[in-house]
Amino acid sequence: MQERDVDIAVIGAGTAGLGAYSAARKHTDSVLLIEQGPHGTTCARVGCMPSKLLIAAANTAQDVRNAAPFGVHPEGELRIDGRKVLERVRQERDRFVDGVLRSVENIEHDNKLTGRVCFESPHILKVDDHTRVTAKRIVIATGSSATYPDAFQAAGDRLVINDDVFEWETLPESVAVFGPGVIGLELAQALHRLGVRVRVFGIGGGLGPVSDERVRDYADDAFNQEFYLDPDATTETIELHGDSVAITFIERNSRERLTEHFDYLLAATGRSPNIEHLGLENAGLTLNDHGVPLFDEHRLQCRNTDGSQSHIFIAGDTNNELPVLHEASDEGHIAGNNAGRFPETRKGSRRAPLSIVFCDPQIAIVGLGYAGLKAHYDDKAWASGEVCFEDQGRARTMRVNSGLLRVYGEHACGRFLGAEAFGPRVEHLAHLMSWALQQRMTVAQMLEMPFYHPVIEEGLRTALRDLNANLQLGSAIAERCMEHGPGD
């Protein structure tokens, strides 16, 4: 057993871990990056990038199907070569992974270690059976993994998660997708558009990150016009039948009991932090009911069992707070900087909340979202406005005129509070709105910004005008709000 003494140990070399390592090195050269492997980040290997590659192929196929109303008639029958589709996904995926690997290779050999980490005590980490590391400060950035109910094990080797999809040699004939969250919606629609028979089953009625009922109902109806989706399904049995999985369920509309066979059951029911083998019970930290350390969301600093602030920090998907890449990167830098300057710590600068689902139409949540506003504000403190894209000029010209955008603002001061959207190209609208939110703009100030014609952004202007008409403004309170911000 080798012995290592370092100022800072960073556990995990994903997006958050690499950010933490980079930030910590600005304070000390004695930083050790420990990765169980393989390197490459969740985003590059099995997340953001390969899924967008699959979606790009699927949307291209859909564009060809929808060309006739424009007077464009592709010659012959649409043919999708599943092998070629997935071959390109893997080739381009590997390019993104190689980019991450090159950045890891640039890290000095003595500052890297490979193996599974387990806490022996608050300052001592055991790495496999080959190294014991004593660290003055520690950053936990071990990421997350797909999780699913035990009942899915009945599908045997027909059970897959999103990681597995990108390793298929060719596209299957049919897939049952469980979980209409971000991953489930994106992959289900992409597979459907690539010719795979798809049914999507959910529990509780949820649809992606949407919490505004009007937006959720619109999206539910739109998806069901394209493929079968039941966000509150009654699934009775899951059984393995040879090379297929048989699922018995109650059909959403007819309420009939059906049994259908699928090549695969794709579990997209969520992700959980990779903490199982860390031995956190030996780290002296206060853990929540799920075994995740309690932490200061602004400093990413964990809390000791005696209530004091720990020398241990946590960042990225591991803390289960904001599991998206740009937040993981920000959190890594905040945690790494605070580990570097410990015992002094500082609040990190956080961006306006932004979430995007790359289905079609796209889904976007800006700010706290409808449910978050309901939890943080009195119902009489804020108002909403909306636009339906069905008659929006530019959307109609491109035949993407489907969707609903709901925007929210605070009475009295007119502050813009965020939005929930299901509509065409809303990834771009969401960026404009998140910038406005982060700049603490009022709805009136947003309406003073330029809107070109004809663009989809004019739909945002229509929604903001509707919201502005619904706001009840007050001069004295507005002056305070402009100075301190809403809710202060």
Protein backbone atom coordinates (compact mmCIF):
# COMPACT_ATOMS: atom_id res chain seq x y z
CA MET A 1 0.00 0.00 0.00
CA GLN A 2 1.52 3.30 -1.13
CA GLU A 3 1.03 6.43 0.95
CA ARG A 4 0.29 9.85 -0.57
CA ASP A 5 -0.10 13.22 1.19
CA VAL A 6 -1.74 16.04 -0.76
CA ASP A 7 -3.38 19.38 -0.12
CA ILE A 8 -6.49 18.58 -2.19
CA ALA A 9 -7.93 15.34 -3.53
CA VAL A 10 -10.62 15.52 -6.22
CA ILE A 11 -12.68 12.33 -6.54
CA GLY A 12 -14.02 12.00 -10.07
CA ALA A 13 -12.73 13.28 -13.41
CA GLY A 14 -15.99 14.22 -15.10
CA THR A 15 -17.12 17.75 -15.92
CA ALA A 16 -17.34 18.82 -12.27
CA GLY A 17 -14.16 17.01 -11.25
CA LEU A 18 -12.08 18.51 -14.06
CA GLY A 19 -13.45 21.95 -13.19
CA ALA A 20 -12.59 21.45 -9.53
CA TYR A 21 -9.08 20.25 -10.37
CA SER A 22 -8.44 23.24 -12.63
CA ALA A 23 -9.68 25.70 -10.00
CA ALA A 24 -7.80 24.04 -7.14
CA ARG A 25 -4.50 24.15 -9.07
CA LYS A 26 -4.69 27.95 -8.98
CA HIS A 27 -4.18 27.72 -5.22
CA THR A 28 -1.73 24.83 -4.88
CA ASP A 29 0.27 22.40 -7.01
CA SER A 30 -0.52 19.60 -4.57
CA VAL A 31 -3.78 18.42 -6.14
CA LEU A 32 -4.59 14.77 -6.90
CA LEU A 33 -7.32 13.79 -9.38
CA ILE A 34 -8.70 10.31 -8.73
CA GLU A 35 -10.91 8.55 -11.28
CA GLN A 36 -12.32 5.03 -11.17
CA GLY A 37 -12.67 5.12 -14.96
CA PRO A 38 -13.23 5.35 -17.77
CA HIS A 39 -12.37 8.97 -18.44
CA GLY A 40 -14.47 11.01 -20.83
CA THR A 41 -17.39 12.64 -18.89
CA THR A 42 -21.02 11.51 -18.88
CA CYS A 43 -21.95 14.24 -21.36
CA ALA A 44 -19.47 13.15 -24.01
CA ARG A 45 -19.78 9.38 -23.57
CA VAL A 46 -23.45 8.63 -22.92
CA GLY A 47 -25.29 11.91 -22.41
CA CYS A 48 -25.59 15.24 -24.19
CA MET A 49 -23.54 14.61 -27.29
CA PRO A 50 -24.47 11.09 -28.48
CA SER A 51 -28.14 11.79 -27.77
CA LYS A 52 -28.01 14.96 -29.89
CA LEU A 53 -26.35 13.01 -32.67
CA LEU A 54 -29.21 10.51 -32.62
CA ILE A 55 -31.76 13.33 -32.49
CA ALA A 56 -30.11 15.06 -35.46
CA ALA A 57 -30.50 11.92 -37.56
CA ALA A 58 -34.11 11.50 -36.42
CA ASN A 59 -35.06 15.10 -37.19
CA THR A 60 -33.47 14.85 -40.63
CA ALA A 61 -35.68 11.85 -41.35
CA GLN A 62 -38.71 13.78 -40.12
CA ASP A 63 -37.87 16.75 -42.34
CA VAL A 64 -37.84 14.44 -45.36
CA ARG A 65 -41.26 13.01 -44.37
CA ASN A 66 -42.66 16.53 -44.01
CA ALA A 67 -41.25 17.92 -47.28
CA ALA A 68 -44.30 17.34 -49.51
CA PRO A 69 -46.43 20.29 -48.23
CA PHE A 70 -43.61 22.59 -49.37
CA GLY A 71 -43.86 21.14 -52.86
CA VAL A 72 -40.65 19.18 -52.32
CA HIS A 73 -40.87 15.47 -53.17
CA PRO A 74 -37.77 13.39 -52.37
CA GLU A 75 -37.35 10.61 -54.89
CA GLY A 76 -38.24 7.11 -53.78
CA GLU A 77 -39.31 5.79 -50.40
CA LEU A 78 -37.59 7.07 -47.25
CA ARG A 79 -35.05 4.47 -46.14
CA ILE A 80 -33.28 4.61 -42.80
CA ASP A 81 -30.06 2.65 -42.46
CA GLY A 82 -29.89 1.94 -38.75
CA ARG A 83 -26.31 0.71 -38.92
CA LYS A 84 -25.15 3.91 -40.61
CA VAL A 85 -27.11 6.06 -38.15
CA LEU A 86 -25.50 4.46 -35.11
CA GLU A 87 -22.10 4.25 -36.77
CA ARG A 88 -22.08 8.04 -37.17
CA VAL A 89 -23.32 8.47 -33.60
CA ARG A 90 -20.38 6.45 -32.27
CA GLN A 91 -17.79 8.05 -34.56
CA GLU A 92 -18.76 11.59 -33.61
CA ARG A 93 -19.25 10.58 -29.98
CA ASP A 94 -15.72 9.23 -29.90
CA ARG A 95 -14.41 12.55 -31.25
CA PHE A 96 -15.98 14.39 -28.34
CA VAL A 97 -14.63 11.82 -25.87
CA ASP A 98 -11.15 12.11 -27.39
CA GLY A 99 -11.25 15.84 -26.74
CA VAL A 100 -11.90 15.22 -23.05
CA LEU A 101 -9.24 12.51 -22.90
CA ARG A 102 -6.64 14.89 -24.35
CA SER A 103 -7.34 17.37 -21.57
CA VAL A 104 -6.87 14.58 -18.99
CA GLU A 105 -3.65 13.45 -20.67
CA ASN A 106 -2.27 16.97 -20.23
CA ILE A 107 -2.51 16.57 -16.46
CA GLU A 108 0.83 15.59 -14.93
CA HIS A 109 1.18 11.88 -14.18
CA ASP A 110 1.87 12.47 -10.49
CA ASN A 111 -1.38 14.42 -10.18
CA LYS A 112 -3.56 11.53 -11.40
CA LEU A 113 -4.57 8.26 -9.82
CA THR A 114 -6.86 5.47 -11.01
CA GLY A 115 -9.07 3.39 -8.71
CA ARG A 116 -12.20 3.24 -6.60
CA VAL A 117 -12.17 5.55 -3.60
CA CYS A 118 -13.46 4.78 -0.13
CA PHE A 119 -13.24 7.08 2.90
CA GLU A 120 -11.38 5.52 5.83
CA SER A 121 -11.72 8.73 7.85
CA PRO A 122 -12.55 12.39 7.12
CA HIS A 123 -9.05 13.00 5.73
CA ILE A 124 -7.96 9.54 4.54
CA LEU A 125 -9.01 7.92 1.25
CA LYS A 126 -8.28 4.34 0.28
CA VAL A 127 -7.89 3.89 -3.48
CA ASP A 128 -8.48 0.24 -4.38
CA ASP A 129 -5.87 -1.76 -2.49
CA HIS A 130 -2.86 0.12 -3.82
CA THR A 131 -2.83 3.65 -2.35
CA ARG A 132 -3.85 5.45 0.81
CA VAL A 133 -4.26 9.20 0.29
CA THR A 134 -4.21 11.71 3.15
CA ALA A 135 -5.79 14.95 1.96
CA LYS A 136 -6.24 18.25 3.78
CA ARG A 137 -9.28 19.05 1.66
CA ILE A 138 -11.44 16.88 -0.59
CA VAL A 139 -13.87 17.49 -3.47
CA ILE A 140 -16.44 14.78 -4.22
CA ALA A 141 -17.43 14.84 -7.91
CA THR A 142 -18.30 11.24 -8.70
CA GLY A 143 -21.29 11.94 -10.96
CA SER A 144 -24.43 9.84 -11.25
CA SER A 145 -25.74 6.64 -12.82
CA ALA A 146 -29.05 5.48 -14.25
CA THR A 147 -31.45 4.01 -11.73
CA TYR A 148 -34.67 2.05 -12.15
CA PRO A 149 -37.18 -0.02 -10.12
CA ASP A 150 -36.29 -3.61 -9.25
CA ALA A 151 -39.38 -4.76 -11.16
CA PHE A 152 -37.59 -3.93 -14.42
CA GLN A 153 -35.15 -6.78 -13.76
CA ALA A 154 -37.88 -9.08 -15.06
CA ALA A 155 -36.89 -7.92 -18.55
CA GLY A 156 -33.57 -9.72 -18.17
CA ASP A 157 -31.06 -9.01 -20.92
CA ARG A 158 -33.74 -7.00 -22.77
CA LEU A 159 -33.40 -4.26 -20.13
CA VAL A 160 -31.25 -1.31 -21.28
CA ILE A 161 -30.44 2.21 -20.14
CA ASN A 162 -29.52 5.23 -22.26
CA ASP A 163 -25.83 4.28 -22.13
CA ASP A 164 -26.60 1.05 -23.99
CA VAL A 165 -28.54 2.66 -26.84
CA PHE A 166 -25.43 4.19 -28.36
CA GLU A 167 -23.68 0.82 -28.45
CA TRP A 168 -26.39 -0.87 -30.53
CA GLU A 169 -25.04 -2.06 -33.88
CA THR A 170 -28.36 -1.31 -35.55
CA LEU A 171 -31.80 -0.02 -34.63
CA PRO A 172 -34.27 -2.48 -33.10
CA GLU A 173 -37.81 -2.98 -34.36
CA SER A 174 -39.48 -1.91 -31.08
CA VAL A 175 -38.70 -0.33 -27.70
CA ALA A 176 -40.84 0.28 -24.61
CA VAL A 177 -39.58 3.42 -22.87
CA PHE A 178 -40.28 3.82 -19.18
CA GLY A 179 -39.93 7.37 -17.92
CA PRO A 180 -41.05 10.44 -19.94
CA GLY A 181 -38.43 12.67 -18.39
CA VAL A 182 -35.71 14.51 -20.30
CA ILE A 183 -33.81 11.39 -21.39
CA GLY A 184 -36.94 9.34 -22.07
CA LEU A 185 -38.63 11.99 -24.20
CA GLU A 186 -35.55 12.72 -26.27
CA LEU A 187 -34.68 9.09 -26.99
CA ALA A 188 -38.27 7.90 -27.48
CA GLN A 189 -39.06 10.53 -30.09
CA ALA A 190 -35.72 10.05 -31.85
CA LEU A 191 -36.19 6.28 -32.05
CA HIS A 192 -39.76 6.72 -33.29
CA ARG A 193 -38.65 9.07 -36.06
CA LEU A 194 -35.98 6.57 -37.06
CA GLY A 195 -38.65 3.93 -37.63
CA VAL A 196 -38.67 2.13 -34.27
CA ARG A 197 -42.08 1.21 -32.81
CA VAL A 198 -42.18 3.03 -29.48
CA ARG A 199 -44.53 3.21 -26.50
CA VAL A 200 -43.72 5.47 -23.55
CA PHE A 201 -44.94 4.75 -20.02
CA GLY A 202 -44.79 7.12 -17.06
CA ILE A 203 -45.99 7.36 -13.47
CA GLY A 204 -47.76 10.30 -11.84
CA GLY A 205 -48.48 12.33 -14.97
CA GLY A 206 -45.15 14.13 -15.20
CA LEU A 207 -43.73 15.14 -18.58
CA GLY A 208 -40.11 16.23 -18.69
CA PRO A 209 -39.41 19.15 -16.34
CA VAL A 210 -42.75 20.84 -17.10
CA SER A 211 -44.90 21.84 -14.11
CA ASP A 212 -47.28 24.36 -15.70
CA GLU A 213 -50.43 22.34 -16.41
CA ARG A 214 -51.33 24.31 -19.54
CA VAL A 215 -47.93 23.68 -21.09
CA ARG A 216 -47.88 20.05 -19.95
CA ASP A 217 -51.34 19.31 -21.38
CA TYR A 218 -50.42 20.90 -24.71
CA ALA A 219 -47.19 18.91 -24.91
CA ASP A 220 -48.94 15.69 -23.92
CA ASP A 221 -51.44 16.09 -26.73
CA ALA A 222 -48.75 17.00 -29.27
CA PHE A 223 -46.56 14.01 -28.44
CA ASN A 224 -49.52 11.64 -28.63
CA GLN A 225 -50.26 12.81 -32.14
CA GLU A 226 -46.86 11.40 -33.07
CA PHE A 227 -46.31 8.36 -30.83
CA TYR A 228 -47.97 6.63 -27.88
CA LEU A 229 -47.21 8.27 -24.53
CA ASP A 230 -49.03 7.67 -21.25
CA PRO A 231 -47.50 9.81 -18.49
CA ASP A 232 -49.61 8.05 -15.84
CA ALA A 233 -49.63 4.49 -17.10
CA THR A 234 -51.01 1.36 -15.49
CA THR A 235 -48.44 -1.35 -16.14
CA GLU A 236 -49.49 -4.75 -14.84
CA THR A 237 -46.68 -7.15 -15.74
CA ILE A 238 -43.22 -7.21 -17.31
CA GLU A 239 -42.02 -10.62 -18.49
CA LEU A 240 -39.14 -11.95 -20.55
CA HIS A 241 -40.32 -14.07 -23.48
CA GLY A 242 -37.33 -15.42 -25.37
CA ASP A 243 -35.71 -12.51 -27.19
CA SER A 244 -38.44 -10.03 -26.32
CA VAL A 245 -40.00 -8.44 -23.28
CA ALA A 246 -43.78 -8.74 -22.90
CA ILE A 247 -45.52 -5.81 -21.22
CA THR A 248 -49.13 -5.96 -20.11
CA PHE A 249 -50.72 -2.56 -19.59
CA ILE A 250 -54.01 -0.68 -19.69
CA GLU A 251 -54.24 1.26 -22.96
CA ARG A 252 -54.64 4.97 -22.28
CA ASN A 253 -57.67 5.76 -24.44
CA SER A 254 -59.62 2.53 -24.78
CA ARG A 255 -58.82 1.33 -21.23
CA GLU A 256 -58.36 -2.13 -22.68
CA ARG A 257 -55.80 -4.55 -21.23
CA LEU A 258 -53.10 -5.14 -23.85
CA THR A 259 -49.99 -7.28 -23.98
CA GLU A 260 -47.30 -6.22 -26.43
CA HIS A 261 -43.84 -7.56 -27.12
CA PHE A 262 -40.80 -5.28 -27.51
CA ASP A 263 -37.19 -5.91 -28.40
CA TYR A 264 -36.07 -3.83 -25.42
CA LEU A 265 -37.30 -2.11 -22.29
CA LEU A 266 -35.46 1.20 -22.04
CA ALA A 267 -35.32 2.40 -18.42
CA ALA A 268 -35.19 6.21 -18.32
CA THR A 269 -36.57 6.60 -14.82
CA GLY A 270 -33.88 8.83 -13.37
CA ARG A 271 -30.31 8.95 -12.14
CA SER A 272 -28.84 8.66 -8.67
CA PRO A 273 -25.52 9.96 -7.26
CA ASN A 274 -22.51 7.63 -7.41
CA ILE A 275 -21.95 7.47 -3.65
CA GLU A 276 -22.63 3.82 -2.88
CA HIS A 277 -19.00 2.73 -2.46
CA LEU A 278 -17.54 5.97 -1.07
CA GLY A 279 -17.91 5.00 2.58
CA LEU A 280 -19.37 8.41 3.42
CA GLU A 281 -20.32 7.12 6.85
CA ASN A 282 -16.59 7.43 7.64
CA ALA A 283 -16.29 11.01 6.36
CA GLY A 284 -17.83 12.70 9.38
CA LEU A 285 -20.56 14.32 7.28
CA THR A 286 -24.26 14.87 7.86
CA LEU A 287 -26.15 12.83 5.27
CA ASN A 288 -29.73 13.16 4.06
CA ASP A 289 -32.21 10.27 3.85
CA HIS A 290 -30.65 9.19 0.53
CA GLY A 291 -27.12 9.14 1.92
CA VAL A 292 -26.06 12.34 0.13
CA PRO A 293 -24.08 14.89 2.17
CA LEU A 294 -25.87 18.07 3.20
CA PHE A 295 -24.07 21.08 1.75
CA ASP A 296 -24.15 24.85 1.30
CA GLU A 297 -25.53 25.37 -2.22
CA HIS A 298 -23.57 28.60 -2.66
CA ARG A 299 -20.18 27.34 -1.41
CA LEU A 300 -20.65 23.62 -2.19
CA GLN A 301 -19.24 22.93 1.28
CA CYS A 302 -20.45 19.87 3.16
CA ARG A 303 -21.66 19.92 6.76
CA ASN A 304 -20.04 17.89 9.53
CA THR A 305 -22.12 15.79 11.91
CA ASP A 306 -21.59 18.39 14.63
CA GLY A 307 -23.07 21.09 12.38
CA SER A 308 -19.76 22.76 11.54
CA GLN A 309 -18.52 23.37 7.99
CA SER A 310 -16.39 20.57 6.60
CA HIS A 311 -13.14 20.52 4.62
CA ILE A 312 -15.05 18.35 2.12
CA PHE A 313 -16.87 19.85 -0.87
CA ILE A 314 -19.30 18.29 -3.34
CA ALA A 315 -20.05 19.27 -6.95
CA GLY A 316 -21.88 18.18 -10.08
CA ASP A 317 -24.43 15.39 -10.43
CA THR A 318 -23.23 13.85 -7.17
CA ASN A 319 -25.04 16.48 -5.11
CA ASN A 320 -28.24 15.81 -7.11
CA GLU A 321 -29.05 19.52 -7.20
CA LEU A 322 -28.70 20.74 -10.82
CA PRO A 323 -27.70 17.77 -13.02
CA VAL A 324 -26.78 19.62 -16.22
CA LEU A 325 -23.33 20.15 -17.70
CA HIS A 326 -22.93 23.92 -17.38
CA GLU A 327 -24.04 23.78 -13.74
CA ALA A 328 -21.65 20.89 -13.06
CA SER A 329 -18.79 22.91 -14.53
CA ASP A 330 -19.70 25.97 -12.46
CA GLU A 331 -20.04 23.89 -9.32
CA GLY A 332 -16.70 22.22 -9.93
CA HIS A 333 -14.96 25.57 -10.14
CA ILE A 334 -16.72 26.87 -7.02
CA ALA A 335 -15.87 23.74 -5.04
CA GLY A 336 -12.27 23.68 -6.29
CA ASN A 337 -11.69 27.35 -5.49
CA ASN A 338 -13.14 26.98 -2.01
CA ALA A 339 -11.11 23.85 -1.35
CA GLY A 340 -8.06 25.80 -2.48
CA ARG A 341 -8.65 28.77 -0.18
CA PHE A 342 -10.05 26.76 2.77
CA PRO A 343 -10.72 27.57 5.62
CA GLU A 344 -11.82 30.80 3.94
CA THR A 345 -14.69 30.14 1.53
CA ARG A 346 -16.74 32.36 -0.73
CA LYS A 347 -20.16 32.19 -2.29
CA GLY A 348 -19.93 31.24 -5.93
CA SER A 349 -21.63 33.18 -8.67
CA ARG A 350 -24.57 31.12 -9.96
CA ARG A 351 -26.37 31.55 -13.26
CA ALA A 352 -30.09 31.92 -13.81
CA PRO A 353 -31.67 28.43 -13.87
CA LEU A 354 -32.07 27.10 -17.40
CA SER A 355 -33.24 23.68 -18.57
CA ILE A 356 -33.81 22.53 -22.17
CA VAL A 357 -35.20 19.28 -23.57
CA PHE A 358 -34.18 18.63 -27.19
CA CYS A 359 -37.39 16.97 -28.30
CA ASP A 360 -39.44 18.51 -31.11
CA PRO A 361 -41.08 20.85 -30.32
CA GLN A 362 -38.51 21.64 -27.66
CA ILE A 363 -39.18 22.14 -23.96
CA ALA A 364 -37.51 24.86 -21.91
CA ILE A 365 -37.75 26.00 -18.30
CA VAL A 366 -36.30 29.40 -17.37
CA GLY A 367 -35.98 30.37 -13.73
CA LEU A 368 -37.75 28.47 -10.98
CA GLY A 369 -40.52 27.30 -13.27
CA TYR A 370 -44.22 27.30 -12.43
CA ALA A 371 -43.96 24.90 -9.48
CA GLY A 372 -40.97 26.79 -8.06
CA LEU A 373 -42.81 30.11 -8.25
CA LYS A 374 -45.84 28.57 -6.56
CA ALA A 375 -43.56 27.39 -3.74
CA HIS A 376 -41.68 30.68 -3.30
CA TYR A 377 -44.33 33.33 -3.98
CA ASP A 378 -47.85 34.06 -2.86
CA ASP A 379 -50.26 33.46 -5.75
CA LYS A 380 -51.27 37.12 -5.65
CA ALA A 381 -47.67 38.30 -6.04
CA TRP A 382 -47.17 37.27 -9.67
CA ALA A 383 -48.94 36.94 -12.99
CA SER A 384 -48.56 35.02 -16.25
CA GLY A 385 -48.84 35.67 -19.97
CA GLU A 386 -48.73 33.33 -22.91
CA VAL A 387 -48.57 32.82 -26.65
CA CYS A 388 -49.68 29.88 -28.76
CA PHE A 389 -47.40 29.24 -31.74
CA GLU A 390 -50.12 27.85 -33.98
CA ASP A 391 -50.69 31.23 -35.64
CA GLN A 392 -47.22 32.70 -35.11
CA GLY A 393 -45.99 34.06 -38.46
CA ARG A 394 -42.48 32.64 -38.82
CA ALA A 395 -43.48 29.34 -37.23
CA ARG A 396 -46.22 28.93 -39.86
CA THR A 397 -43.84 29.63 -42.74
CA MET A 398 -41.65 26.74 -41.59
CA ARG A 399 -44.60 24.48 -40.65
CA VAL A 400 -43.40 24.25 -37.06
CA ASN A 401 -46.40 26.13 -35.71
CA SER A 402 -47.11 24.05 -32.63
CA GLY A 403 -46.49 24.96 -29.02
CA LEU A 404 -47.30 27.10 -26.03
CA LEU A 405 -45.07 29.59 -24.19
CA ARG A 406 -45.99 30.80 -20.71
CA VAL A 407 -44.05 33.67 -19.09
CA TYR A 408 -44.20 34.93 -15.51
CA GLY A 409 -43.65 38.30 -13.86
CA GLU A 410 -43.94 39.89 -10.43
CA HIS A 411 -46.71 42.32 -9.63
CA ALA A 412 -45.73 45.74 -8.24
CA CYS A 413 -42.23 45.87 -9.73
CA GLY A 414 -42.83 44.11 -13.04
CA ARG A 415 -39.77 41.91 -12.66
CA PHE A 416 -39.50 39.03 -15.15
CA LEU A 417 -39.54 35.75 -13.19
CA GLY A 418 -39.10 33.08 -15.87
CA ALA A 419 -41.01 30.84 -18.24
CA GLU A 420 -42.11 27.36 -19.24
CA ALA A 421 -42.20 26.63 -22.95
CA PHE A 422 -43.06 23.89 -25.41
CA GLY A 423 -42.49 25.16 -28.90
CA PRO A 424 -40.31 25.58 -32.00
CA ARG A 425 -36.65 26.47 -31.46
CA VAL A 426 -37.32 27.45 -27.84
CA GLU A 427 -33.70 26.66 -26.96
CA HIS A 428 -32.95 30.10 -28.43
CA LEU A 429 -35.88 31.87 -26.76
CA ALA A 430 -34.83 30.29 -23.46
CA HIS A 431 -31.36 31.81 -23.72
CA LEU A 432 -32.78 35.29 -24.31
CA MET A 433 -35.12 34.89 -21.35
CA SER A 434 -32.44 33.48 -19.04
CA TRP A 435 -30.15 36.41 -19.88
CA ALA A 436 -32.98 38.82 -19.06
CA LEU A 437 -33.68 36.97 -15.82
CA GLN A 438 -30.04 37.03 -14.77
CA GLN A 439 -29.89 40.77 -15.52
CA ARG A 440 -32.98 41.21 -13.31
CA MET A 441 -34.87 42.94 -16.09
CA THR A 442 -38.51 43.98 -15.91
CA VAL A 443 -41.02 42.83 -18.49
CA ALA A 444 -41.23 46.41 -19.75
CA GLN A 445 -37.45 46.53 -20.24
CA MET A 446 -37.55 43.27 -22.20
CA LEU A 447 -40.23 44.72 -24.46
CA GLU A 448 -37.93 47.68 -25.21
CA MET A 449 -35.40 45.27 -26.76
CA PRO A 450 -35.35 44.85 -30.58
CA PHE A 451 -37.47 42.14 -32.18
CA TYR A 452 -36.82 41.56 -35.87
CA HIS A 453 -39.55 40.54 -38.33
CA PRO A 454 -40.32 37.82 -39.19
CA VAL A 455 -38.71 35.66 -36.48
CA ILE A 456 -39.94 33.18 -33.91
CA GLU A 457 -38.77 35.60 -31.22
CA GLU A 458 -41.81 37.71 -32.07
CA GLY A 459 -43.79 35.01 -30.29
CA LEU A 460 -41.87 35.84 -27.11
CA ARG A 461 -42.79 39.49 -27.55
CA THR A 462 -46.47 38.54 -27.84
CA ALA A 463 -46.26 36.54 -24.59
CA LEU A 464 -44.46 39.40 -22.82
CA ARG A 465 -47.11 41.86 -23.98
CA ASP A 466 -49.80 39.59 -22.57
CA LEU A 467 -47.91 39.32 -19.30
CA ASN A 468 -47.31 43.07 -19.12
CA ALA A 469 -51.05 43.70 -19.51
CA ASN A 470 -51.72 41.36 -16.58
CA LEU A 471 -49.21 42.94 -14.20
CA GLN A 472 -50.37 45.30 -11.47
CA LEU A 473 -47.56 47.80 -10.98
CA GLY A 474 -46.97 50.03 -7.96
CA SER A 475 -44.42 52.86 -7.88
CA ALA A 476 -43.12 52.65 -4.30
CA ILE A 477 -42.80 48.86 -4.25
CA ALA A 478 -41.42 48.89 -7.77
CA GLU A 479 -38.65 51.25 -6.70
CA ARG A 480 -37.69 48.93 -3.86
CA CYS A 481 -37.82 45.92 -6.14
CA MET A 482 -35.59 47.57 -8.75
CA GLU A 483 -33.04 48.23 -6.03
CA HIS A 484 -33.09 44.93 -4.16
CA GLY A 485 -34.75 42.40 -6.43
CA PRO A 486 -37.98 40.42 -6.00
CA GLY A 487 -38.67 38.76 -2.71
CA ASP A 488 -35.82 40.54 -0.88
